[in-house]
Amino acid sequence: MEEKKGLSLRHKWFISHINMDEEYLYKYQHSFKNTILELKDVSDQTRIMIWACENSDEQTAQRFILSLLKNKKNDIFLINLVGAYKEIFAKSDSEYFPLHTGELSSEELNVIYEKNKTEQPLTLTERKRYEQEWEEISNQSKNLRIWKDRKIHSVGEDYYDRFIINTAKALHKKHNNKDFMKSARLIGEIIGHLNQKIGDEYFEYRLIQLVLNGVFEIEGVPKAMRFYSVKLHEKYRS
């Protein structure tokens, strides 16, 4: 992704597969390149602190950023937000813990920062390990990553197709209704029962693929989730 060819291929894949905001896609490559330049221009005297929850999105980004900083002499600190949250805020092991950083308030993040700002920076060996993990990730040909057993795993893009189908079955059964349901309703139900941080754009992409494969029927125009509804084809309901 740090190379022109890789970024261009990623951008092309988004355009061909993911229903995203046109303005975002238009500025995507330019914005991405500027972010990389900003990282590489950080002063060597600056302390760098990287926050990440336990999800494939943030953990992948953490390794990518560390690979971009591999020639920098800065002290780099990692904060595992799930571990920090459990230590500071949790009252029992059964409580809910954040799947991604956006679930934490600025007040909680500030408390976590104050608690961790005096920790030791990553050692050279630790940094090398994360850089190597990024190399392994970037050489994978599969399009989806999940977080499992505290590791990033690359899986096929159809990995959750059965989960999508089973969720639709459950909704049809719950409401005793085999008619069309809003795609946003189905995708919201999927994300609500998922123990991963994966964007709704991905699930919409897979839903459309399942429509094209005849698993779902569609009513409306799929230019955005609110504009169309879906239902399982009769032969997939049992």
C-alpha atoms as a PDB file:
ATOM      1  CA  MET A   1       0.000   0.000   0.000  1.00  0.00           C
ATOM      2  CA  GLU A   2       2.939   2.356   0.506  1.00  0.00           C
ATOM      3  CA  GLU A   3       3.811   1.941  -3.190  1.00  0.00           C
ATOM      4  CA  LYS A   4       2.008   3.699  -6.045  1.00  0.00           C
ATOM      5  CA  LYS A   5       0.981   0.440  -7.746  1.00  0.00           C
ATOM      6  CA  GLY A   6      -0.410  -1.110  -4.574  1.00  0.00           C
ATOM      7  CA  LEU A   7      -2.401   1.975  -3.622  1.00  0.00           C
ATOM      8  CA  SER A   8      -3.777   2.268  -7.159  1.00  0.00           C
ATOM      9  CA  LEU A   9      -4.939  -1.369  -7.115  1.00  0.00           C
ATOM     10  CA  ARG A  10      -6.608  -0.887  -3.730  1.00  0.00           C
ATOM     11  CA  HIS A  11      -8.400   2.214  -4.996  1.00  0.00           C
ATOM     12  CA  LYS A  12      -9.537   0.389  -8.138  1.00  0.00           C
ATOM     13  CA  TRP A  13     -10.869  -2.521  -6.049  1.00  0.00           C
ATOM     14  CA  PHE A  14     -12.889  -0.112  -3.890  1.00  0.00           C
ATOM     15  CA  ILE A  15     -14.429   1.530  -6.955  1.00  0.00           C
ATOM     16  CA  SER A  16     -15.362  -1.844  -8.467  1.00  0.00           C
ATOM     17  CA  HIS A  17     -16.731  -3.520  -5.348  1.00  0.00           C
ATOM     18  CA  ILE A  18     -17.648  -1.157  -2.495  1.00  0.00           C
ATOM     19  CA  ASN A  19     -20.541   1.315  -2.425  1.00  0.00           C
ATOM     20  CA  MET A  20     -18.696   4.323  -0.966  1.00  0.00           C
ATOM     21  CA  ASP A  21     -19.034   8.099  -1.008  1.00  0.00           C
ATOM     22  CA  GLU A  22     -17.849   9.446  -4.368  1.00  0.00           C
ATOM     23  CA  GLU A  23     -16.029  12.412  -2.862  1.00  0.00           C
ATOM     24  CA  TYR A  24     -14.146  10.100  -0.466  1.00  0.00           C
ATOM     25  CA  LEU A  25     -13.095   7.842  -3.359  1.00  0.00           C
ATOM     26  CA  TYR A  26     -12.081  10.833  -5.473  1.00  0.00           C
ATOM     27  CA  LYS A  27      -9.717  12.118  -2.761  1.00  0.00           C
ATOM     28  CA  TYR A  28      -8.644   8.694  -1.468  1.00  0.00           C
ATOM     29  CA  GLN A  29      -5.230   8.279  -3.104  1.00  0.00           C
ATOM     30  CA  HIS A  30      -4.213  11.905  -2.581  1.00  0.00           C
ATOM     31  CA  SER A  31      -5.254  11.827   1.083  1.00  0.00           C
ATOM     32  CA  PHE A  32      -3.515   8.504   1.673  1.00  0.00           C
ATOM     33  CA  LYS A  33      -0.243   9.707   0.155  1.00  0.00           C
ATOM     34  CA  ASN A  34      -0.335  12.876   2.259  1.00  0.00           C
ATOM     35  CA  THR A  35      -0.864  10.836   5.429  1.00  0.00           C
ATOM     36  CA  ILE A  36       2.188   8.696   4.633  1.00  0.00           C
ATOM     37  CA  LEU A  37       4.286  11.816   4.034  1.00  0.00           C
ATOM     38  CA  GLU A  38       3.154  13.313   7.330  1.00  0.00           C
ATOM     39  CA  LEU A  39       4.195  10.148   9.170  1.00  0.00           C
ATOM     40  CA  LYS A  40       7.606  10.073   7.526  1.00  0.00           C
ATOM     41  CA  ASP A  41       8.133  13.778   8.285  1.00  0.00           C
ATOM     42  CA  VAL A  42       7.637  13.389  12.037  1.00  0.00           C
ATOM     43  CA  SER A  43      10.631  14.798  13.934  1.00  0.00           C
ATOM     44  CA  ASP A  44      13.016  12.191  15.381  1.00  0.00           C
ATOM     45  CA  GLN A  45      12.560  13.798  18.809  1.00  0.00           C
ATOM     46  CA  THR A  46       8.808  13.244  18.857  1.00  0.00           C
ATOM     47  CA  ARG A  47       7.388  10.513  21.082  1.00  0.00           C
ATOM     48  CA  ILE A  48       4.946   8.428  19.062  1.00  0.00           C
ATOM     49  CA  MET A  49       2.029   6.698  20.750  1.00  0.00           C
ATOM     50  CA  ILE A  50      -0.156   4.292  18.772  1.00  0.00           C
ATOM     51  CA  TRP A  51      -3.598   3.336  20.090  1.00  0.00           C
ATOM     52  CA  ALA A  52      -5.322   0.164  18.943  1.00  0.00           C
ATOM     53  CA  CYS A  53      -8.201  -2.053  19.982  1.00  0.00           C
ATOM     54  CA  GLU A  54      -8.273  -5.772  19.294  1.00  0.00           C
ATOM     55  CA  ASN A  55      -9.715  -5.819  15.787  1.00  0.00           C
ATOM     56  CA  SER A  56      -8.222  -6.575  12.389  1.00  0.00           C
ATOM     57  CA  ASP A  57      -8.714  -3.005  11.169  1.00  0.00           C
ATOM     58  CA  GLU A  58      -6.698  -1.217  13.846  1.00  0.00           C
ATOM     59  CA  GLN A  59      -4.190  -4.027  14.357  1.00  0.00           C
ATOM     60  CA  THR A  60      -3.413  -4.078  10.629  1.00  0.00           C
ATOM     61  CA  ALA A  61      -3.046  -0.298  10.586  1.00  0.00           C
ATOM     62  CA  GLN A  62      -0.745  -0.458  13.617  1.00  0.00           C
ATOM     63  CA  ARG A  63       1.625  -2.808  11.809  1.00  0.00           C
ATOM     64  CA  PHE A  64       1.471  -0.753   8.617  1.00  0.00           C
ATOM     65  CA  ILE A  65       2.383   2.430  10.490  1.00  0.00           C
ATOM     66  CA  LEU A  66       5.265   0.713  12.271  1.00  0.00           C
ATOM     67  CA  SER A  67       6.584  -0.459   8.900  1.00  0.00           C
ATOM     68  CA  LEU A  68       6.493   3.148   7.636  1.00  0.00           C
ATOM     69  CA  LEU A  69       8.447   4.253  10.722  1.00  0.00           C
ATOM     70  CA  LYS A  70      11.058   1.487  10.559  1.00  0.00           C
ATOM     71  CA  ASN A  71      13.924   3.863   9.773  1.00  0.00           C
ATOM     72  CA  LYS A  72      12.909   6.423  12.408  1.00  0.00           C
ATOM     73  CA  LYS A  73      14.738   6.685  15.736  1.00  0.00           C
ATOM     74  CA  ASN A  74      11.704   7.855  17.695  1.00  0.00           C
ATOM     75  CA  ASP A  75      10.509   6.211  20.869  1.00  0.00           C
ATOM     76  CA  ILE A  76       7.288   4.416  19.917  1.00  0.00           C
ATOM     77  CA  PHE A  77       4.692   3.316  22.459  1.00  0.00           C
ATOM     78  CA  LEU A  78       1.741   0.984  21.924  1.00  0.00           C
ATOM     79  CA  ILE A  79      -1.445   1.102  23.957  1.00  0.00           C
ATOM     80  CA  ASN A  80      -3.697  -1.935  23.808  1.00  0.00           C
ATOM     81  CA  LEU A  81      -7.002  -0.244  24.551  1.00  0.00           C
ATOM     82  CA  VAL A  82      -8.835  -3.434  25.475  1.00  0.00           C
ATOM     83  CA  GLY A  83      -6.215  -4.418  28.045  1.00  0.00           C
ATOM     84  CA  ALA A  84      -6.067  -0.878  29.406  1.00  0.00           C
ATOM     85  CA  TYR A  85      -9.864  -0.633  29.555  1.00  0.00           C
ATOM     86  CA  LYS A  86     -10.128  -3.913  31.473  1.00  0.00           C
ATOM     87  CA  GLU A  87      -7.468  -2.818  33.937  1.00  0.00           C
ATOM     88  CA  ILE A  88      -8.918   0.626  34.637  1.00  0.00           C
ATOM     89  CA  PHE A  89     -12.687   0.478  34.091  1.00  0.00           C
ATOM     90  CA  ALA A  90     -13.955  -3.103  34.115  1.00  0.00           C
ATOM     91  CA  LYS A  91     -15.556  -4.480  37.269  1.00  0.00           C
ATOM     92  CA  SER A  92     -15.880  -8.085  36.071  1.00  0.00           C
ATOM     93  CA  ASP A  93     -14.712 -10.363  33.253  1.00  0.00           C
ATOM     94  CA  SER A  94     -18.271 -10.620  31.949  1.00  0.00           C
ATOM     95  CA  GLU A  95     -18.588  -6.919  31.126  1.00  0.00           C
ATOM     96  CA  TYR A  96     -18.655  -5.621  27.559  1.00  0.00           C
ATOM     97  CA  PHE A  97     -15.344  -4.360  26.187  1.00  0.00           C
ATOM     98  CA  PRO A  98     -14.829  -1.995  23.238  1.00  0.00           C
ATOM     99  CA  LEU A  99     -14.317  -3.554  19.812  1.00  0.00           C
ATOM    100  CA  HIS A 100     -12.795  -0.387  18.363  1.00  0.00           C
ATOM    101  CA  THR A 101     -11.370   2.938  19.526  1.00  0.00           C
ATOM    102  CA  GLY A 102     -14.446   4.891  18.428  1.00  0.00           C
ATOM    103  CA  GLU A 103     -16.488   3.267  21.206  1.00  0.00           C
ATOM    104  CA  LEU A 104     -14.412   5.014  23.887  1.00  0.00           C
ATOM    105  CA  SER A 105     -15.136   8.548  25.073  1.00  0.00           C
ATOM    106  CA  SER A 106     -12.451  11.237  25.062  1.00  0.00           C
ATOM    107  CA  GLU A 107     -12.544  11.152  28.877  1.00  0.00           C
ATOM    108  CA  GLU A 108     -11.824   7.411  28.935  1.00  0.00           C
ATOM    109  CA  LEU A 109      -9.033   7.807  26.386  1.00  0.00           C
ATOM    110  CA  ASN A 110      -7.473  10.566  28.482  1.00  0.00           C
ATOM    111  CA  VAL A 111      -7.511   8.375  31.603  1.00  0.00           C
ATOM    112  CA  ILE A 112      -5.903   5.516  29.653  1.00  0.00           C
ATOM    113  CA  TYR A 113      -3.253   7.874  28.262  1.00  0.00           C
ATOM    114  CA  GLU A 114      -2.334   9.233  31.699  1.00  0.00           C
ATOM    115  CA  LYS A 115      -2.073   5.683  33.027  1.00  0.00           C
ATOM    116  CA  ASN A 116       0.197   4.512  30.203  1.00  0.00           C
ATOM    117  CA  LYS A 117       2.326   7.524  29.262  1.00  0.00           C
ATOM    118  CA  THR A 118       5.239   6.423  31.442  1.00  0.00           C
ATOM    119  CA  GLU A 119       5.432   2.872  30.023  1.00  0.00           C
ATOM    120  CA  GLN A 120       8.565   1.723  28.203  1.00  0.00           C
ATOM    121  CA  PRO A 121       8.773   2.200  24.410  1.00  0.00           C
ATOM    122  CA  LEU A 122       8.935  -0.716  22.022  1.00  0.00           C
ATOM    123  CA  THR A 123      12.301  -2.437  21.820  1.00  0.00           C
ATOM    124  CA  LEU A 124      14.063  -2.809  18.485  1.00  0.00           C
ATOM    125  CA  THR A 125      13.201  -6.523  18.515  1.00  0.00           C
ATOM    126  CA  GLU A 126       9.517  -5.784  19.072  1.00  0.00           C
ATOM    127  CA  ARG A 127       9.489  -3.237  16.277  1.00  0.00           C
ATOM    128  CA  LYS A 128      11.140  -5.717  13.895  1.00  0.00           C
ATOM    129  CA  ARG A 129       8.488  -8.317  14.759  1.00  0.00           C
ATOM    130  CA  TYR A 130       5.633  -5.943  13.919  1.00  0.00           C
ATOM    131  CA  GLU A 131       7.363  -4.885  10.689  1.00  0.00           C
ATOM    132  CA  GLN A 132       7.728  -8.538   9.680  1.00  0.00           C
ATOM    133  CA  GLU A 133       4.064  -9.164  10.458  1.00  0.00           C
ATOM    134  CA  TRP A 134       3.135  -6.303   8.129  1.00  0.00           C
ATOM    135  CA  GLU A 135       5.231  -7.859   5.358  1.00  0.00           C
ATOM    136  CA  GLU A 136       3.375 -11.125   5.820  1.00  0.00           C
ATOM    137  CA  ILE A 137      -0.018  -9.384   5.758  1.00  0.00           C
ATOM    138  CA  SER A 138       0.789  -7.305   2.680  1.00  0.00           C
ATOM    139  CA  ASN A 139       1.842 -10.397   0.748  1.00  0.00           C
ATOM    140  CA  GLN A 140      -1.498 -12.125   1.345  1.00  0.00           C
ATOM    141  CA  SER A 141      -3.787 -12.346  -1.688  1.00  0.00           C
ATOM    142  CA  LYS A 142      -7.069 -12.633   0.249  1.00  0.00           C
ATOM    143  CA  ASN A 143      -9.266  -9.550   0.599  1.00  0.00           C
ATOM    144  CA  LEU A 144     -10.635  -9.834   4.131  1.00  0.00           C
ATOM    145  CA  ARG A 145      -8.893  -9.874   7.505  1.00  0.00           C
ATOM    146  CA  ILE A 146     -10.384 -10.969  10.809  1.00  0.00           C
ATOM    147  CA  TRP A 147      -9.087 -10.889  14.391  1.00  0.00           C
ATOM    148  CA  LYS A 148      -9.010 -14.332  16.007  1.00  0.00           C
ATOM    149  CA  ASP A 149      -6.974 -15.765  18.904  1.00  0.00           C
ATOM    150  CA  ARG A 150      -5.250 -12.374  19.224  1.00  0.00           C
ATOM    151  CA  LYS A 151      -3.895 -12.621  15.687  1.00  0.00           C
ATOM    152  CA  ILE A 152      -4.749 -11.220  12.258  1.00  0.00           C
ATOM    153  CA  HIS A 153      -5.999 -13.859   9.831  1.00  0.00           C
ATOM    154  CA  SER A 154      -6.525 -13.375   6.092  1.00  0.00           C
ATOM    155  CA  VAL A 155      -9.671 -15.114   4.823  1.00  0.00           C
ATOM    156  CA  GLY A 156     -11.707 -15.286   1.626  1.00  0.00           C
ATOM    157  CA  GLU A 157     -14.130 -12.436   0.975  1.00  0.00           C
ATOM    158  CA  ASP A 158     -17.051 -14.895   1.180  1.00  0.00           C
ATOM    159  CA  TYR A 159     -16.091 -15.840   4.757  1.00  0.00           C
ATOM    160  CA  TYR A 160     -19.279 -14.357   6.267  1.00  0.00           C
ATOM    161  CA  ASP A 161     -21.722 -15.296   3.492  1.00  0.00           C
ATOM    162  CA  ARG A 162     -23.213 -18.153   5.512  1.00  0.00           C
ATOM    163  CA  PHE A 163     -23.559 -15.816   8.510  1.00  0.00           C
ATOM    164  CA  ILE A 164     -25.425 -13.307   6.322  1.00  0.00           C
ATOM    165  CA  ILE A 165     -27.790 -16.019   5.088  1.00  0.00           C
ATOM    166  CA  ASN A 166     -28.428 -17.408   8.578  1.00  0.00           C
ATOM    167  CA  THR A 167     -29.115 -13.922   9.948  1.00  0.00           C
ATOM    168  CA  ALA A 168     -31.679 -13.330   7.203  1.00  0.00           C
ATOM    169  CA  LYS A 169     -33.301 -16.688   8.007  1.00  0.00           C
ATOM    170  CA  ALA A 170     -33.542 -15.718  11.672  1.00  0.00           C
ATOM    171  CA  LEU A 171     -35.149 -12.358  10.836  1.00  0.00           C
ATOM    172  CA  HIS A 172     -37.682 -13.973   8.526  1.00  0.00           C
ATOM    173  CA  LYS A 173     -38.549 -16.470  11.252  1.00  0.00           C
ATOM    174  CA  LYS A 174     -38.597 -13.908  14.087  1.00  0.00           C
ATOM    175  CA  HIS A 175     -41.128 -11.703  12.333  1.00  0.00           C
ATOM    176  CA  ASN A 176     -42.995 -14.618  10.742  1.00  0.00           C
ATOM    177  CA  ASN A 177     -42.568 -12.766   7.499  1.00  0.00           C
ATOM    178  CA  LYS A 178     -41.005 -13.996   4.259  1.00  0.00           C
ATOM    179  CA  ASP A 179     -41.397 -10.633   2.546  1.00  0.00           C
ATOM    180  CA  PHE A 180     -38.713  -8.078   1.685  1.00  0.00           C
ATOM    181  CA  MET A 181     -36.754  -6.398   4.477  1.00  0.00           C
ATOM    182  CA  LYS A 182     -34.678  -3.244   4.238  1.00  0.00           C
ATOM    183  CA  SER A 183     -31.042  -4.117   3.524  1.00  0.00           C
ATOM    184  CA  ALA A 184     -30.003  -1.706   6.296  1.00  0.00           C
ATOM    185  CA  ARG A 185     -32.110  -3.731   8.758  1.00  0.00           C
ATOM    186  CA  LEU A 186     -30.371  -6.970   7.792  1.00  0.00           C
ATOM    187  CA  ILE A 187     -26.866  -5.475   7.783  1.00  0.00           C
ATOM    188  CA  GLY A 188     -27.495  -3.784  11.139  1.00  0.00           C
ATOM    189  CA  GLU A 189     -28.542  -7.127  12.615  1.00  0.00           C
ATOM    190  CA  ILE A 190     -25.387  -8.781  11.225  1.00  0.00           C
ATOM    191  CA  ILE A 191     -23.058  -6.166  12.681  1.00  0.00           C
ATOM    192  CA  GLY A 192     -24.924  -6.206  16.009  1.00  0.00           C
ATOM    193  CA  HIS A 193     -24.217  -9.919  16.467  1.00  0.00           C
ATOM    194  CA  LEU A 194     -20.667  -9.896  15.121  1.00  0.00           C
ATOM    195  CA  ASN A 195     -17.688 -10.086  17.460  1.00  0.00           C
ATOM    196  CA  GLN A 196     -15.560  -8.217  14.925  1.00  0.00           C
ATOM    197  CA  LYS A 197     -15.099  -4.635  13.775  1.00  0.00           C
ATOM    198  CA  ILE A 198     -15.928  -4.881  10.081  1.00  0.00           C
ATOM    199  CA  GLY A 199     -17.597  -2.041   8.209  1.00  0.00           C
ATOM    200  CA  ASP A 200     -21.147  -2.169   6.867  1.00  0.00           C
ATOM    201  CA  GLU A 201     -19.782  -1.415   3.374  1.00  0.00           C
ATOM    202  CA  TYR A 202     -18.214  -4.874   3.291  1.00  0.00           C
ATOM    203  CA  PHE A 203     -21.461  -6.583   4.251  1.00  0.00           C
ATOM    204  CA  GLU A 204     -23.386  -4.598   1.674  1.00  0.00           C
ATOM    205  CA  TYR A 205     -20.864  -5.731  -0.955  1.00  0.00           C
ATOM    206  CA  ARG A 206     -21.352  -9.364   0.040  1.00  0.00           C
ATOM    207  CA  LEU A 207     -25.140  -8.964   0.123  1.00  0.00           C
ATOM    208  CA  ILE A 208     -25.131  -7.637  -3.442  1.00  0.00           C
ATOM    209  CA  GLN A 209     -22.926 -10.554  -4.497  1.00  0.00           C
ATOM    210  CA  LEU A 210     -25.434 -12.950  -2.952  1.00  0.00           C
ATOM    211  CA  VAL A 211     -28.199 -11.172  -4.873  1.00  0.00           C
ATOM    212  CA  LEU A 212     -26.231 -11.648  -8.102  1.00  0.00           C
ATOM    213  CA  ASN A 213     -25.748 -15.329  -7.218  1.00  0.00           C
ATOM    214  CA  GLY A 214     -29.493 -15.808  -6.762  1.00  0.00           C
ATOM    215  CA  VAL A 215     -29.392 -16.361  -2.993  1.00  0.00           C
ATOM    216  CA  PHE A 216     -31.382 -13.164  -2.289  1.00  0.00           C
ATOM    217  CA  GLU A 217     -34.061 -11.368  -4.252  1.00  0.00           C
ATOM    218  CA  ILE A 218     -33.971  -7.575  -4.434  1.00  0.00           C
ATOM    219  CA  GLU A 219     -36.548  -4.791  -4.636  1.00  0.00           C
ATOM    220  CA  GLY A 220     -35.392  -1.256  -5.358  1.00  0.00           C
ATOM    221  CA  VAL A 221     -32.138   0.268  -6.598  1.00  0.00           C
ATOM    222  CA  PRO A 222     -28.938  -0.553  -4.640  1.00  0.00           C
ATOM    223  CA  LYS A 223     -27.374   2.909  -4.779  1.00  0.00           C
ATOM    224  CA  ALA A 224     -27.495   3.095  -0.962  1.00  0.00           C
ATOM    225  CA  MET A 225     -28.793   0.749   1.735  1.00  0.00           C
ATOM    226  CA  ARG A 226     -31.930   2.787   2.411  1.00  0.00           C
ATOM    227  CA  PHE A 227     -33.068   2.518  -1.214  1.00  0.00           C
ATOM    228  CA  TYR A 228     -33.542  -1.226  -1.537  1.00  0.00           C
ATOM    229  CA  SER A 229     -34.848  -4.294   0.252  1.00  0.00           C
ATOM    230  CA  VAL A 230     -33.952  -7.971   0.072  1.00  0.00           C
ATOM    231  CA  LYS A 231     -35.335 -11.360   0.963  1.00  0.00           C
ATOM    232  CA  LEU A 232     -33.928 -14.849   0.792  1.00  0.00           C
ATOM    233  CA  HIS A 233     -34.839 -16.819  -2.293  1.00  0.00           C
ATOM    234  CA  GLU A 234     -37.344 -19.476  -1.365  1.00  0.00           C
ATOM    235  CA  LYS A 235     -34.943 -22.387  -1.880  1.00  0.00           C
ATOM    236  CA  TYR A 236     -32.474 -20.913   0.686  1.00  0.00           C
ATOM    237  CA  ARG A 237     -34.972 -20.357   3.495  1.00  0.00           C
ATOM    238  CA  SER A 238     -34.992 -23.865   4.974  1.00  0.00           C
END
